[in-house]
Amino acid sequence: MDSKHIADFGTPFSHHMARVNGVRLHYVTGGKGPPVVLLHGWPQTWWEWRRIMPTLAEQFTVIALDLRGFGDSEKPESGYDVATLGADLVALLDHLWLGAARLAGHDLGGWVAYAFARLHTDRVERLALADTPLPLFGVDAPMWPEIEKRLWHLRFFQVPHLAEALIGGRERLFLDWFFRQSAYDPSTIGPADLDE
């Protein structure tokens, strides 16, 4: 792992790899105290949490991971449903000898955290979700059609091989455009973030 990222914090964090649930996961840890697990959104990695990790590490053992298919974690052909991603998290908690943890999830990571909390209630002490539109089955949500329009990329990436064909080799261009169009404050995502 790149030690530059560790030095950027001012607080000691370390990179690790673990083979759990049949996949190699990358995670970053630091701090002392009760465990808090940070689950990133799309298209981010653990890196999205880097600015708040030092503050959290003052009171918690921070565990920020790259979900299956992201960052330095393994990218298998399958297993991207929230139940499997949750099983990855169970296996990682077991690997770290943790019975339960506090979970914070953003975007896609929020879906994983929410499903994990529903399926493994005994493994969650606290749950925090940010920018996580959850399906409201059986509930009339007048704004949901507008929300779905802003989430066009979900359907785009579900078409087999289309995104790879159109974006392959142009990932930086696509991500730069995506963040400029969708981030609340695009200036917070700089060249180093796109590199990561």
C-alpha atoms as a PDB file:
ATOM      1  CA  MET A   1       0.000   0.000   0.000  1.00  0.00           C
ATOM      2  CA  ASP A   2       1.086   3.552  -0.584  1.00  0.00           C
ATOM      3  CA  SER A   3       2.641   4.923   2.623  1.00  0.00           C
ATOM      4  CA  LYS A   4       2.083   8.500   1.373  1.00  0.00           C
ATOM      5  CA  HIS A   5      -1.553   8.192   2.360  1.00  0.00           C
ATOM      6  CA  ILE A   6      -0.656   7.257   5.921  1.00  0.00           C
ATOM      7  CA  ALA A   7       1.663  10.253   6.340  1.00  0.00           C
ATOM      8  CA  ASP A   8      -1.006  12.675   5.098  1.00  0.00           C
ATOM      9  CA  PHE A   9      -3.112  12.183   8.221  1.00  0.00           C
ATOM     10  CA  GLY A  10      -0.844  13.279  11.057  1.00  0.00           C
ATOM     11  CA  THR A  11      -2.364  10.348  13.014  1.00  0.00           C
ATOM     12  CA  PRO A  12      -0.998   6.828  12.605  1.00  0.00           C
ATOM     13  CA  PHE A  13      -3.154   4.727  10.296  1.00  0.00           C
ATOM     14  CA  SER A  14      -2.151   1.498   8.659  1.00  0.00           C
ATOM     15  CA  HIS A  15      -3.260  -0.405   5.567  1.00  0.00           C
ATOM     16  CA  HIS A  16      -4.208  -4.075   5.731  1.00  0.00           C
ATOM     17  CA  MET A  17      -5.473  -6.865   3.489  1.00  0.00           C
ATOM     18  CA  ALA A  18      -7.640  -9.765   4.628  1.00  0.00           C
ATOM     19  CA  ARG A  19      -9.078 -12.711   2.739  1.00  0.00           C
ATOM     20  CA  VAL A  20     -12.644 -12.995   4.005  1.00  0.00           C
ATOM     21  CA  ASN A  21     -15.763 -14.543   2.496  1.00  0.00           C
ATOM     22  CA  GLY A  22     -13.680 -15.658  -0.499  1.00  0.00           C
ATOM     23  CA  VAL A  23     -12.442 -12.156  -1.405  1.00  0.00           C
ATOM     24  CA  ARG A  24      -9.398 -10.037  -0.481  1.00  0.00           C
ATOM     25  CA  LEU A  25     -10.492  -6.798   1.185  1.00  0.00           C
ATOM     26  CA  HIS A  26      -8.337  -3.751   1.782  1.00  0.00           C
ATOM     27  CA  TYR A  27      -8.947  -1.710   4.923  1.00  0.00           C
ATOM     28  CA  VAL A  28      -7.288   1.098   6.848  1.00  0.00           C
ATOM     29  CA  THR A  29      -7.231   1.203  10.657  1.00  0.00           C
ATOM     30  CA  GLY A  30      -6.162   3.609  13.348  1.00  0.00           C
ATOM     31  CA  GLY A  31      -7.112   4.966  16.741  1.00  0.00           C
ATOM     32  CA  LYS A  32      -8.193   3.376  19.998  1.00  0.00           C
ATOM     33  CA  GLY A  33     -11.561   2.723  21.504  1.00  0.00           C
ATOM     34  CA  PRO A  34     -14.814   1.119  20.395  1.00  0.00           C
ATOM     35  CA  PRO A  35     -14.768   0.107  16.718  1.00  0.00           C
ATOM     36  CA  VAL A  36     -16.420   2.255  14.055  1.00  0.00           C
ATOM     37  CA  VAL A  37     -16.603   0.893  10.510  1.00  0.00           C
ATOM     38  CA  LEU A  38     -16.808   3.366   7.624  1.00  0.00           C
ATOM     39  CA  LEU A  39     -18.410   2.209   4.367  1.00  0.00           C
ATOM     40  CA  HIS A  40     -17.795   4.401   1.316  1.00  0.00           C
ATOM     41  CA  GLY A  41     -20.157   5.366  -1.472  1.00  0.00           C
ATOM     42  CA  TRP A  42     -19.898   5.053  -5.223  1.00  0.00           C
ATOM     43  CA  PRO A  43     -17.430   5.653  -6.844  1.00  0.00           C
ATOM     44  CA  GLN A  44     -15.301   6.333  -3.781  1.00  0.00           C
ATOM     45  CA  THR A  45     -13.062   4.156  -1.642  1.00  0.00           C
ATOM     46  CA  TRP A  46     -11.948   4.347   2.010  1.00  0.00           C
ATOM     47  CA  TRP A  47     -10.244   7.594   0.923  1.00  0.00           C
ATOM     48  CA  GLU A  48     -13.531   9.511   1.113  1.00  0.00           C
ATOM     49  CA  TRP A  49     -13.354   9.302   4.932  1.00  0.00           C
ATOM     50  CA  ARG A  50      -9.734  10.493   5.272  1.00  0.00           C
ATOM     51  CA  ARG A  51     -10.606  13.975   6.539  1.00  0.00           C
ATOM     52  CA  ILE A  52     -12.707  12.769   9.457  1.00  0.00           C
ATOM     53  CA  MET A  53     -10.718   9.656  10.340  1.00  0.00           C
ATOM     54  CA  PRO A  54      -8.169  11.490  12.559  1.00  0.00           C
ATOM     55  CA  THR A  55     -10.949  13.087  14.628  1.00  0.00           C
ATOM     56  CA  LEU A  56     -12.809   9.785  14.950  1.00  0.00           C
ATOM     57  CA  ALA A  57      -9.547   8.046  15.913  1.00  0.00           C
ATOM     58  CA  GLU A  58      -9.357  10.203  19.049  1.00  0.00           C
ATOM     59  CA  GLN A  59     -12.244   8.165  20.522  1.00  0.00           C
ATOM     60  CA  PHE A  60     -12.675   5.113  18.293  1.00  0.00           C
ATOM     61  CA  THR A  61     -10.797   2.380  16.504  1.00  0.00           C
ATOM     62  CA  VAL A  62     -11.496   3.428  12.932  1.00  0.00           C
ATOM     63  CA  ILE A  63     -11.859   0.782  10.239  1.00  0.00           C
ATOM     64  CA  ALA A  64     -12.370   2.228   6.748  1.00  0.00           C
ATOM     65  CA  LEU A  65     -12.583  -0.417   4.061  1.00  0.00           C
ATOM     66  CA  ASP A  66     -12.721  -0.685   0.318  1.00  0.00           C
ATOM     67  CA  LEU A  67     -15.825  -2.679  -0.460  1.00  0.00           C
ATOM     68  CA  ARG A  68     -15.507  -5.647  -2.813  1.00  0.00           C
ATOM     69  CA  GLY A  69     -14.819  -4.319  -6.310  1.00  0.00           C
ATOM     70  CA  PHE A  70     -13.468  -0.943  -5.162  1.00  0.00           C
ATOM     71  CA  GLY A  71     -10.041   0.535  -4.553  1.00  0.00           C
ATOM     72  CA  ASP A  72      -7.429  -2.001  -3.519  1.00  0.00           C
ATOM     73  CA  SER A  73      -9.954  -4.723  -2.693  1.00  0.00           C
ATOM     74  CA  GLU A  74     -10.368  -7.680  -5.024  1.00  0.00           C
ATOM     75  CA  LYS A  75     -12.756  -7.276  -7.954  1.00  0.00           C
ATOM     76  CA  PRO A  76     -14.475 -10.620  -8.540  1.00  0.00           C
ATOM     77  CA  GLU A  77     -17.042 -11.147 -11.293  1.00  0.00           C
ATOM     78  CA  SER A  78     -19.940 -11.489  -8.845  1.00  0.00           C
ATOM     79  CA  GLY A  79     -21.070 -10.845  -5.290  1.00  0.00           C
ATOM     80  CA  TYR A  80     -22.164  -7.216  -5.503  1.00  0.00           C
ATOM     81  CA  ASP A  81     -25.591  -7.630  -3.921  1.00  0.00           C
ATOM     82  CA  VAL A  82     -25.978  -6.119  -0.444  1.00  0.00           C
ATOM     83  CA  ALA A  83     -26.363  -9.538   1.203  1.00  0.00           C
ATOM     84  CA  THR A  84     -22.955 -10.656  -0.097  1.00  0.00           C
ATOM     85  CA  LEU A  85     -21.347  -7.305   0.707  1.00  0.00           C
ATOM     86  CA  GLY A  86     -22.822  -7.674   4.193  1.00  0.00           C
ATOM     87  CA  ALA A  87     -21.398 -11.191   4.459  1.00  0.00           C
ATOM     88  CA  ASP A  88     -17.998  -9.703   3.550  1.00  0.00           C
ATOM     89  CA  LEU A  89     -18.412  -7.311   6.465  1.00  0.00           C
ATOM     90  CA  VAL A  90     -19.424 -10.097   8.891  1.00  0.00           C
ATOM     91  CA  ALA A  91     -16.324 -12.042   7.853  1.00  0.00           C
ATOM     92  CA  LEU A  92     -14.108  -8.961   8.276  1.00  0.00           C
ATOM     93  CA  LEU A  93     -15.506  -8.313  11.779  1.00  0.00           C
ATOM     94  CA  ASP A  94     -14.819 -11.964  12.609  1.00  0.00           C
ATOM     95  CA  HIS A  95     -11.294 -11.651  11.186  1.00  0.00           C
ATOM     96  CA  LEU A  96     -10.734  -8.621  13.451  1.00  0.00           C
ATOM     97  CA  TRP A  97     -12.255 -10.432  16.456  1.00  0.00           C
ATOM     98  CA  LEU A  98     -15.051  -7.876  16.733  1.00  0.00           C
ATOM     99  CA  GLY A  99     -18.481  -8.940  17.894  1.00  0.00           C
ATOM    100  CA  ALA A 100     -20.254  -5.722  16.993  1.00  0.00           C
ATOM    101  CA  ALA A 101     -19.363  -2.274  15.704  1.00  0.00           C
ATOM    102  CA  ARG A 102     -20.726   1.142  14.984  1.00  0.00           C
ATOM    103  CA  LEU A 103     -21.402   1.523  11.243  1.00  0.00           C
ATOM    104  CA  ALA A 104     -21.392   4.663   9.126  1.00  0.00           C
ATOM    105  CA  GLY A 105     -22.352   4.334   5.492  1.00  0.00           C
ATOM    106  CA  HIS A 106     -22.514   6.820   2.664  1.00  0.00           C
ATOM    107  CA  ASP A 107     -24.423   6.271  -0.587  1.00  0.00           C
ATOM    108  CA  LEU A 108     -23.763   2.650  -1.658  1.00  0.00           C
ATOM    109  CA  GLY A 109     -22.060   2.063   1.691  1.00  0.00           C
ATOM    110  CA  GLY A 110     -25.287   3.230   3.335  1.00  0.00           C
ATOM    111  CA  TRP A 111     -27.242   0.551   1.475  1.00  0.00           C
ATOM    112  CA  VAL A 112     -24.749  -2.048   2.665  1.00  0.00           C
ATOM    113  CA  ALA A 113     -24.841  -0.718   6.246  1.00  0.00           C
ATOM    114  CA  TYR A 114     -28.653  -0.631   6.277  1.00  0.00           C
ATOM    115  CA  ALA A 115     -28.951  -4.188   4.916  1.00  0.00           C
ATOM    116  CA  PHE A 116     -26.252  -5.338   7.333  1.00  0.00           C
ATOM    117  CA  ALA A 117     -28.148  -3.808  10.271  1.00  0.00           C
ATOM    118  CA  ARG A 118     -31.358  -5.522   9.142  1.00  0.00           C
ATOM    119  CA  LEU A 119     -29.717  -8.924   8.580  1.00  0.00           C
ATOM    120  CA  HIS A 120     -27.192  -8.878  11.449  1.00  0.00           C
ATOM    121  CA  THR A 121     -28.775  -6.795  14.202  1.00  0.00           C
ATOM    122  CA  ASP A 122     -26.544  -8.359  16.856  1.00  0.00           C
ATOM    123  CA  ARG A 123     -23.410  -7.060  15.068  1.00  0.00           C
ATOM    124  CA  VAL A 124     -24.452  -3.366  15.013  1.00  0.00           C
ATOM    125  CA  GLU A 125     -24.186  -1.047  18.013  1.00  0.00           C
ATOM    126  CA  ARG A 126     -25.036   2.179  16.157  1.00  0.00           C
ATOM    127  CA  LEU A 127     -25.940   3.015  12.563  1.00  0.00           C
ATOM    128  CA  ALA A 128     -25.403   6.292  10.693  1.00  0.00           C
ATOM    129  CA  LEU A 129     -26.416   6.816   7.068  1.00  0.00           C
ATOM    130  CA  ALA A 130     -25.560   9.756   4.805  1.00  0.00           C
ATOM    131  CA  ASP A 131     -26.902  10.404   1.305  1.00  0.00           C
ATOM    132  CA  THR A 132     -28.538   6.989   1.264  1.00  0.00           C
ATOM    133  CA  PRO A 133     -31.882   6.965  -0.544  1.00  0.00           C
ATOM    134  CA  LEU A 134     -33.585   3.826   0.713  1.00  0.00           C
ATOM    135  CA  PRO A 135     -36.425   2.221  -1.250  1.00  0.00           C
ATOM    136  CA  LEU A 136     -39.700   3.058   0.423  1.00  0.00           C
ATOM    137  CA  PHE A 137     -41.713  -0.073  -0.325  1.00  0.00           C
ATOM    138  CA  GLY A 138     -45.446   0.555   0.003  1.00  0.00           C
ATOM    139  CA  VAL A 139     -44.927   4.214   0.968  1.00  0.00           C
ATOM    140  CA  ASP A 140     -46.043   7.034  -1.310  1.00  0.00           C
ATOM    141  CA  ALA A 141     -43.012   9.293  -1.740  1.00  0.00           C
ATOM    142  CA  PRO A 142     -43.968  12.150  -4.074  1.00  0.00           C
ATOM    143  CA  MET A 143     -40.338  13.214  -4.607  1.00  0.00           C
ATOM    144  CA  TRP A 144     -39.040   9.712  -5.460  1.00  0.00           C
ATOM    145  CA  PRO A 145     -39.375  10.120  -9.280  1.00  0.00           C
ATOM    146  CA  GLU A 146     -37.165  13.215  -9.081  1.00  0.00           C
ATOM    147  CA  ILE A 147     -34.655  11.381  -6.921  1.00  0.00           C
ATOM    148  CA  GLU A 148     -34.553   8.508  -9.433  1.00  0.00           C
ATOM    149  CA  LYS A 149     -33.764  10.961 -12.244  1.00  0.00           C
ATOM    150  CA  ARG A 150     -30.691  12.109 -10.325  1.00  0.00           C
ATOM    151  CA  LEU A 151     -29.637   8.474  -9.906  1.00  0.00           C
ATOM    152  CA  TRP A 152     -29.516   7.721 -13.674  1.00  0.00           C
ATOM    153  CA  HIS A 153     -26.075   6.178 -13.270  1.00  0.00           C
ATOM    154  CA  LEU A 154     -27.531   3.238 -11.316  1.00  0.00           C
ATOM    155  CA  ARG A 155     -29.404   2.019 -14.394  1.00  0.00           C
ATOM    156  CA  PHE A 156     -26.497   2.907 -16.700  1.00  0.00           C
ATOM    157  CA  PHE A 157     -24.135   0.615 -14.793  1.00  0.00           C
ATOM    158  CA  GLN A 158     -26.668  -2.221 -14.735  1.00  0.00           C
ATOM    159  CA  VAL A 159     -26.550  -2.635 -18.528  1.00  0.00           C
ATOM    160  CA  PRO A 160     -24.013  -5.438 -19.041  1.00  0.00           C
ATOM    161  CA  HIS A 161     -20.697  -4.244 -20.523  1.00  0.00           C
ATOM    162  CA  LEU A 162     -22.018  -0.816 -21.635  1.00  0.00           C
ATOM    163  CA  ALA A 163     -20.236   1.288 -19.011  1.00  0.00           C
ATOM    164  CA  GLU A 164     -16.989  -0.605 -19.544  1.00  0.00           C
ATOM    165  CA  ALA A 165     -17.196  -0.037 -23.307  1.00  0.00           C
ATOM    166  CA  LEU A 166     -17.979   3.674 -23.043  1.00  0.00           C
ATOM    167  CA  ILE A 167     -15.855   4.645 -20.041  1.00  0.00           C
ATOM    168  CA  GLY A 168     -12.905   2.226 -20.257  1.00  0.00           C
ATOM    169  CA  GLY A 169      -9.713   4.269 -20.525  1.00  0.00           C
ATOM    170  CA  ARG A 170     -11.674   7.468 -19.816  1.00  0.00           C
ATOM    171  CA  GLU A 171     -12.456   6.887 -16.142  1.00  0.00           C
ATOM    172  CA  ARG A 172     -10.875  10.149 -14.986  1.00  0.00           C
ATOM    173  CA  LEU A 173     -12.843  12.187 -17.554  1.00  0.00           C
ATOM    174  CA  PHE A 174     -16.096  10.482 -16.532  1.00  0.00           C
ATOM    175  CA  LEU A 175     -15.527  10.821 -12.781  1.00  0.00           C
ATOM    176  CA  ASP A 176     -14.459  14.456 -13.074  1.00  0.00           C
ATOM    177  CA  TRP A 177     -17.647  15.231 -15.032  1.00  0.00           C
ATOM    178  CA  PHE A 178     -19.778  13.165 -12.638  1.00  0.00           C
ATOM    179  CA  PHE A 179     -18.511  14.952  -9.530  1.00  0.00           C
ATOM    180  CA  ARG A 180     -18.791  18.394 -11.160  1.00  0.00           C
ATOM    181  CA  GLN A 181     -22.441  17.633 -11.974  1.00  0.00           C
ATOM    182  CA  SER A 182     -23.533  15.887  -8.796  1.00  0.00           C
ATOM    183  CA  ALA A 183     -21.406  16.954  -5.814  1.00  0.00           C
ATOM    184  CA  TYR A 184     -22.822  19.574  -3.487  1.00  0.00           C
ATOM    185  CA  ASP A 185     -19.425  21.302  -3.468  1.00  0.00           C
ATOM    186  CA  PRO A 186     -17.345  20.006  -6.392  1.00  0.00           C
ATOM    187  CA  SER A 187     -14.295  21.992  -5.237  1.00  0.00           C
ATOM    188  CA  THR A 188     -13.820  19.497  -2.383  1.00  0.00           C
ATOM    189  CA  ILE A 189     -12.889  16.804  -4.907  1.00  0.00           C
ATOM    190  CA  GLY A 190      -9.489  17.679  -6.287  1.00  0.00           C
ATOM    191  CA  PRO A 191      -6.971  16.019  -8.601  1.00  0.00           C
ATOM    192  CA  ALA A 192      -5.535  13.830  -5.798  1.00  0.00           C
ATOM    193  CA  ASP A 193      -9.037  12.549  -5.056  1.00  0.00           C
ATOM    194  CA  LEU A 194      -9.587  11.672  -8.713  1.00  0.00           C
ATOM    195  CA  ASP A 195      -6.193   9.951  -8.760  1.00  0.00           C
ATOM    196  CA  GLU A 196      -7.220   7.858  -5.779  1.00  0.00           C
END
